[in-house]
């Protein structure tokens, strides 16, 4: 893959053909490898992400009291922060 066209011109026709075939095979293998990596990335991000979101929605539907209580708690904490006129510290994480 590092040879230049001028160098390849000096070789006999059989060697030029062999170099061309080896280059085509190398590029084919590299293309297949890159395609499989993209497919893996797609499967992980799109399909598993969708499955996880659906599972989270099912959990919320199965535990409506927990979801309602969590929302109420988040609202109460927000009111406390406003009432005390302070912001949460960096260590405190609010979840919506």
C-alpha atoms as a PDB file:
ATOM      1  CA  UNK A   1       0.000   0.000   0.000  1.00  0.00           C
ATOM      2  CA  UNK A   2       2.988   2.304   0.208  1.00  0.00           C
ATOM      3  CA  UNK A   3       4.215   1.886  -3.380  1.00  0.00           C
ATOM      4  CA  UNK A   4       3.857   4.715  -5.881  1.00  0.00           C
ATOM      5  CA  UNK A   5       2.581   4.430  -9.426  1.00  0.00           C
ATOM      6  CA  UNK A   6       6.009   5.279 -10.853  1.00  0.00           C
ATOM      7  CA  UNK A   7       7.540   2.380  -8.916  1.00  0.00           C
ATOM      8  CA  UNK A   8       4.805  -0.002 -10.058  1.00  0.00           C
ATOM      9  CA  UNK A   9       5.448   0.953 -13.679  1.00  0.00           C
ATOM     10  CA  UNK A  10       8.956  -0.489 -13.425  1.00  0.00           C
ATOM     11  CA  UNK A  11       7.676  -3.944 -12.430  1.00  0.00           C
ATOM     12  CA  UNK A  12       6.810  -6.638 -14.957  1.00  0.00           C
ATOM     13  CA  UNK A  13       3.114  -7.027 -15.864  1.00  0.00           C
ATOM     14  CA  UNK A  14       2.646 -10.157 -13.713  1.00  0.00           C
ATOM     15  CA  UNK A  15       3.909  -8.364 -10.613  1.00  0.00           C
ATOM     16  CA  UNK A  16       1.766  -5.302 -11.356  1.00  0.00           C
ATOM     17  CA  UNK A  17      -1.279  -7.555 -11.610  1.00  0.00           C
ATOM     18  CA  UNK A  18      -0.364  -9.323  -8.365  1.00  0.00           C
ATOM     19  CA  UNK A  19       0.080  -5.958  -6.626  1.00  0.00           C
ATOM     20  CA  UNK A  20      -3.282  -4.753  -7.939  1.00  0.00           C
ATOM     21  CA  UNK A  21      -5.036  -7.909  -6.727  1.00  0.00           C
ATOM     22  CA  UNK A  22      -3.355  -7.747  -3.312  1.00  0.00           C
ATOM     23  CA  UNK A  23      -4.361  -4.098  -2.959  1.00  0.00           C
ATOM     24  CA  UNK A  24      -7.966  -4.843  -3.954  1.00  0.00           C
ATOM     25  CA  UNK A  25      -8.110  -7.729  -1.466  1.00  0.00           C
ATOM     26  CA  UNK A  26      -6.670  -5.562   1.309  1.00  0.00           C
ATOM     27  CA  UNK A  27      -9.186  -2.784   0.628  1.00  0.00           C
ATOM     28  CA  UNK A  28     -12.046  -5.299   0.500  1.00  0.00           C
ATOM     29  CA  UNK A  29     -11.073  -6.730   3.882  1.00  0.00           C
ATOM     30  CA  UNK A  30     -10.703  -3.258   5.385  1.00  0.00           C
ATOM     31  CA  UNK A  31     -14.101  -2.202   4.015  1.00  0.00           C
ATOM     32  CA  UNK A  32     -15.815  -5.268   5.484  1.00  0.00           C
ATOM     33  CA  UNK A  33     -14.151  -4.647   8.847  1.00  0.00           C
ATOM     34  CA  UNK A  34     -15.254  -0.992   8.875  1.00  0.00           C
ATOM     35  CA  UNK A  35     -18.795  -1.997   7.900  1.00  0.00           C
ATOM     36  CA  UNK A  36     -19.001  -4.511  10.739  1.00  0.00           C
ATOM     37  CA  UNK A  37     -17.802  -1.862  13.213  1.00  0.00           C
ATOM     38  CA  UNK A  38     -20.517   0.528  12.011  1.00  0.00           C
ATOM     39  CA  UNK A  39     -23.144  -2.202  12.280  1.00  0.00           C
ATOM     40  CA  UNK A  40     -22.028  -2.946  15.840  1.00  0.00           C
ATOM     41  CA  UNK A  41     -22.252   0.741  16.735  1.00  0.00           C
ATOM     42  CA  UNK A  42     -25.716   0.967  15.204  1.00  0.00           C
ATOM     43  CA  UNK A  43     -26.984  -2.091  17.055  1.00  0.00           C
ATOM     44  CA  UNK A  44     -25.658  -0.871  20.384  1.00  0.00           C
ATOM     45  CA  UNK A  45     -26.887   2.717  20.110  1.00  0.00           C
ATOM     46  CA  UNK A  46     -30.175   2.391  18.269  1.00  0.00           C
ATOM     47  CA  UNK A  47     -31.606  -1.018  19.046  1.00  0.00           C
ATOM     48  CA  UNK A  48     -30.388  -1.490  22.628  1.00  0.00           C
ATOM     49  CA  UNK A  49     -31.163   2.145  23.454  1.00  0.00           C
ATOM     50  CA  UNK A  50     -34.720   1.718  22.195  1.00  0.00           C
ATOM     51  CA  UNK A  51     -35.130  -1.504  24.158  1.00  0.00           C
ATOM     52  CA  UNK A  52     -33.867   0.180  27.318  1.00  0.00           C
ATOM     53  CA  UNK A  53     -36.246   3.140  26.925  1.00  0.00           C
ATOM     54  CA  UNK A  54     -39.161   0.781  26.430  1.00  0.00           C
ATOM     55  CA  UNK A  55     -38.171  -1.185  29.527  1.00  0.00           C
ATOM     56  CA  UNK A  56     -37.998   2.060  31.535  1.00  0.00           C
ATOM     57  CA  UNK A  57     -41.458   3.033  30.332  1.00  0.00           C
ATOM     58  CA  UNK A  58     -42.799  -0.381  31.385  1.00  0.00           C
ATOM     59  CA  UNK A  59     -41.266   0.033  34.837  1.00  0.00           C
ATOM     60  CA  UNK A  60     -42.956   3.399  35.238  1.00  0.00           C
ATOM     61  CA  UNK A  61     -46.290   1.932  34.141  1.00  0.00           C
ATOM     62  CA  UNK A  62     -45.940  -0.948  36.593  1.00  0.00           C
ATOM     63  CA  UNK A  63     -45.005   1.347  39.454  1.00  0.00           C
ATOM     64  CA  UNK A  64     -47.220   4.415  39.046  1.00  0.00           C
ATOM     65  CA  UNK A  65     -47.120   5.287  42.741  1.00  0.00           C
ATOM     66  CA  UNK A  66     -43.328   5.375  42.700  1.00  0.00           C
ATOM     67  CA  UNK A  67     -43.283   7.621  39.630  1.00  0.00           C
ATOM     68  CA  UNK A  68     -45.842   9.962  41.184  1.00  0.00           C
ATOM     69  CA  UNK A  69     -43.951  10.091  44.472  1.00  0.00           C
ATOM     70  CA  UNK A  70     -40.665  10.767  42.675  1.00  0.00           C
ATOM     71  CA  UNK A  71     -42.195  13.669  40.779  1.00  0.00           C
ATOM     72  CA  UNK A  72     -43.660  15.080  43.994  1.00  0.00           C
ATOM     73  CA  UNK A  73     -40.293  14.788  45.766  1.00  0.00           C
ATOM     74  CA  UNK A  74     -38.498  16.536  42.891  1.00  0.00           C
ATOM     75  CA  UNK A  75     -41.004  19.389  43.049  1.00  0.00           C
ATOM     76  CA  UNK A  76     -40.591  19.688  46.814  1.00  0.00           C
ATOM     77  CA  UNK A  77     -36.809  19.845  46.550  1.00  0.00           C
ATOM     78  CA  UNK A  78     -37.080  22.513  43.854  1.00  0.00           C
ATOM     79  CA  UNK A  79     -39.339  24.575  46.132  1.00  0.00           C
ATOM     80  CA  UNK A  80     -36.867  24.185  49.007  1.00  0.00           C
ATOM     81  CA  UNK A  81     -34.020  25.447  46.858  1.00  0.00           C
ATOM     82  CA  UNK A  82     -36.074  28.435  45.761  1.00  0.00           C
ATOM     83  CA  UNK A  83     -37.213  29.127  49.328  1.00  0.00           C
ATOM     84  CA  UNK A  84     -33.685  29.050  50.729  1.00  0.00           C
ATOM     85  CA  UNK A  85     -32.444  31.020  47.713  1.00  0.00           C
ATOM     86  CA  UNK A  86     -29.567  28.628  47.140  1.00  0.00           C
ATOM     87  CA  UNK A  87     -28.485  26.343  44.395  1.00  0.00           C
ATOM     88  CA  UNK A  88     -27.659  22.686  44.833  1.00  0.00           C
ATOM     89  CA  UNK A  89     -23.993  21.919  45.254  1.00  0.00           C
ATOM     90  CA  UNK A  90     -22.072  20.141  42.510  1.00  0.00           C
ATOM     91  CA  UNK A  91     -22.238  16.906  44.499  1.00  0.00           C
ATOM     92  CA  UNK A  92     -26.034  17.000  44.566  1.00  0.00           C
ATOM     93  CA  UNK A  93     -27.646  15.484  41.468  1.00  0.00           C
ATOM     94  CA  UNK A  94     -31.285  16.153  40.601  1.00  0.00           C
ATOM     95  CA  UNK A  95     -33.082  13.544  38.517  1.00  0.00           C
ATOM     96  CA  UNK A  96     -36.089  14.400  36.430  1.00  0.00           C
END
